Amino acid sequence: MTQGWSDFYVAVAGASAALAGLIIVAMSVTIKQILASRTLPSRAGATISSMVLILVLAILGLMPQSDVALGIEIIVASAIALLPPLLMSQRVLTDTTYQVSMLIRVSRVIMGVVPVALALVGGILVIGGLGAGLFLVAAGIALIFALSMLNAWVLLVEVQR
């Protein structure tokens, strides 16, 4: 099932490793502001764990193995990577430090959880032999990239305001 996906996974592996490094550098520049917030440390952790998930998914996608083994590995990696966004969600929903609407809070939760959940569901479909599973994993990866860039901006620039 992974035939034809190797170029995608090679590109994703390199890009995720580079972006994870940049996000860590961004966090180190503004670490005092991040740590002063109730929600930003968990947001930073969720961002890094999502980038690590992309790297792990790319490595798994490049390994020669059965679809069932790949699906199980995607599910396990995604389930582990879902923990930091869930922690972030709990903190975002209960934070009373800032006057932020519940709609914004819920949208932050959705943005943190949905991309990883897409990969998890994709893993289930891969086990079932459905090619759509890899497309869901790819969609989760694309969303993680986009949202990680947004989070990098927040962790580097917005915390300075």
Protein backbone atom coordinates (compact mmCIF):
# COMPACT_ATOMS: atom_id res chain seq x y z
CA MET A 1 0.00 0.00 0.00
CA THR A 2 2.92 2.36 0.62
CA GLN A 3 4.22 2.04 -2.93
CA GLY A 4 4.43 5.50 -4.44
CA TRP A 5 4.61 7.17 -1.03
CA SER A 6 8.39 7.02 -0.49
CA ASP A 7 9.13 10.45 -2.01
CA PHE A 8 6.42 11.96 0.19
CA TYR A 9 7.83 10.37 3.35
CA VAL A 10 11.42 11.34 2.51
CA ALA A 11 10.37 14.96 2.03
CA VAL A 12 8.26 14.90 5.20
CA ALA A 13 11.09 13.43 7.28
CA GLY A 14 13.53 16.16 6.30
CA ALA A 15 11.03 18.98 6.63
CA SER A 16 9.75 17.83 10.03
CA ALA A 17 13.23 17.46 11.49
CA ALA A 18 14.19 20.95 10.30
CA LEU A 19 10.97 22.55 11.53
CA ALA A 20 11.18 20.81 14.91
CA GLY A 21 14.67 22.25 15.34
CA LEU A 22 13.47 25.74 14.42
CA ILE A 23 10.58 25.52 16.86
CA ILE A 24 12.92 24.48 19.66
CA VAL A 25 15.18 27.44 18.86
CA ALA A 26 12.15 29.76 18.84
CA MET A 27 11.10 28.41 22.22
CA SER A 28 14.58 28.92 23.66
CA VAL A 29 14.55 32.58 22.62
CA THR A 30 11.28 33.28 24.44
CA ILE A 31 11.42 30.65 27.17
CA LYS A 32 10.76 33.12 30.02
CA GLN A 33 7.56 34.39 28.41
CA ILE A 34 6.44 30.86 27.56
CA LEU A 35 7.01 29.62 31.11
CA ALA A 36 5.18 32.64 32.55
CA SER A 37 1.99 31.51 30.80
CA ARG A 38 -0.36 28.81 32.03
CA THR A 39 -1.11 27.53 28.50
CA LEU A 40 1.98 28.21 26.38
CA PRO A 41 4.22 25.45 27.81
CA SER A 42 1.63 22.82 26.94
CA ARG A 43 1.08 24.45 23.53
CA ALA A 44 4.82 24.28 22.90
CA GLY A 45 4.91 20.66 24.04
CA ALA A 46 1.98 19.76 21.79
CA THR A 47 3.69 21.45 18.86
CA ILE A 48 6.96 19.59 19.37
CA SER A 49 5.24 16.25 19.95
CA SER A 50 3.26 16.73 16.74
CA MET A 51 6.46 17.42 14.81
CA VAL A 52 8.04 14.31 16.31
CA LEU A 53 4.94 12.36 15.28
CA ILE A 54 5.45 13.49 11.68
CA LEU A 55 9.06 12.33 11.78
CA VAL A 56 8.07 8.97 13.26
CA LEU A 57 5.28 8.50 10.70
CA ALA A 58 7.72 9.27 7.88
CA ILE A 59 10.22 6.73 9.20
CA LEU A 60 7.49 4.11 9.57
CA GLY A 61 6.22 4.84 6.06
CA LEU A 62 9.68 4.23 4.64
CA MET A 63 10.17 0.87 6.36
CA PRO A 64 9.34 -2.25 4.36
CA GLN A 65 6.55 -3.95 6.30
CA SER A 66 3.01 -5.23 6.05
CA ASP A 67 0.05 -2.88 5.96
CA VAL A 68 -1.20 -4.30 9.26
CA ALA A 69 2.14 -3.64 10.98
CA LEU A 70 2.26 -0.11 9.54
CA GLY A 71 -1.30 0.59 10.65
CA ILE A 72 -0.63 -0.62 14.18
CA GLU A 73 2.52 1.50 14.39
CA ILE A 74 0.66 4.57 13.12
CA ILE A 75 -2.06 4.03 15.72
CA VAL A 76 0.43 3.58 18.58
CA ALA A 77 2.53 6.61 17.56
CA SER A 78 -0.57 8.76 17.09
CA ALA A 79 -2.10 7.69 20.41
CA ILE A 80 1.11 8.62 22.23
CA ALA A 81 1.33 11.92 20.32
CA LEU A 82 -2.29 12.69 21.23
CA LEU A 83 -1.44 13.04 24.93
CA PRO A 84 0.27 16.48 24.77
CA PRO A 85 -2.57 18.07 22.71
CA LEU A 86 -5.09 16.65 25.19
CA LEU A 87 -3.13 18.18 28.09
CA MET A 88 -2.98 21.46 26.18
CA SER A 89 -6.75 21.24 25.62
CA GLN A 90 -7.42 20.86 29.32
CA ARG A 91 -5.26 23.88 30.12
CA VAL A 92 -6.71 26.03 27.33
CA LEU A 93 -10.29 25.28 28.34
CA THR A 94 -9.72 26.00 32.03
CA ASP A 95 -7.39 29.02 31.78
CA THR A 96 -8.96 32.17 33.20
CA THR A 97 -5.84 34.32 32.89
CA TYR A 98 -6.91 35.95 29.63
CA GLN A 99 -10.29 37.14 28.46
CA VAL A 100 -10.61 34.81 25.49
CA SER A 101 -13.96 33.62 24.18
CA MET A 102 -14.93 29.97 24.48
CA LEU A 103 -15.11 29.80 20.68
CA ILE A 104 -11.41 30.70 20.43
CA ARG A 105 -10.57 28.22 23.18
CA VAL A 106 -12.47 25.41 21.46
CA SER A 107 -10.89 26.25 18.11
CA ARG A 108 -7.43 25.94 19.71
CA VAL A 109 -8.41 22.56 21.10
CA ILE A 110 -9.67 21.41 17.71
CA MET A 111 -6.49 22.62 15.99
CA GLY A 112 -4.38 20.68 18.48
CA VAL A 113 -6.29 17.40 18.48
CA VAL A 114 -7.77 16.94 14.99
CA PRO A 115 -4.54 16.59 12.96
CA VAL A 116 -3.22 13.87 15.27
CA ALA A 117 -6.64 12.20 15.36
CA LEU A 118 -6.62 12.13 11.53
CA ALA A 119 -3.38 10.16 11.60
CA LEU A 120 -4.81 7.78 14.19
CA VAL A 121 -7.95 7.13 12.11
CA GLY A 122 -5.73 6.77 9.05
CA GLY A 123 -3.83 4.01 10.85
CA ILE A 124 -7.08 2.16 11.51
CA LEU A 125 -7.98 2.38 7.81
CA VAL A 126 -4.49 1.16 6.82
CA ILE A 127 -5.03 -1.95 8.97
CA GLY A 128 -8.28 -2.48 7.10
CA GLY A 129 -6.40 -2.37 3.81
CA LEU A 130 -8.02 0.89 2.70
CA GLY A 131 -5.75 3.17 0.69
CA ALA A 132 -7.67 6.17 2.03
CA GLY A 133 -5.88 5.60 5.33
CA LEU A 134 -2.57 6.88 3.98
CA PHE A 135 -4.35 9.94 2.59
CA LEU A 136 -5.81 10.66 6.04
CA VAL A 137 -2.33 10.30 7.55
CA ALA A 138 -1.02 12.70 4.87
CA ALA A 139 -3.84 15.15 5.65
CA GLY A 140 -2.93 15.01 9.34
CA ILE A 141 0.71 15.61 8.47
CA ALA A 142 -0.17 18.61 6.29
CA LEU A 143 -2.34 20.12 9.04
CA ILE A 144 0.37 19.54 11.64
CA PHE A 145 2.88 21.37 9.43
CA ALA A 146 0.54 24.34 8.96
CA LEU A 147 -0.48 24.57 12.59
CA SER A 148 3.09 24.10 13.81
CA MET A 149 4.14 27.11 11.75
CA LEU A 150 1.33 29.11 13.37
CA ASN A 151 2.41 27.92 16.82
CA ALA A 152 6.04 28.75 16.04
CA TRP A 153 4.91 32.29 15.20
CA VAL A 154 3.01 32.56 18.47
CA LEU A 155 5.91 31.14 20.50
CA LEU A 156 8.45 33.44 18.88
CA VAL A 157 6.63 36.67 18.05
CA GLU A 158 3.25 36.92 19.76
CA VAL A 159 4.65 36.22 23.22
CA GLN A 160 6.82 39.33 22.83
CA ARG A 161 3.77 41.63 22.58
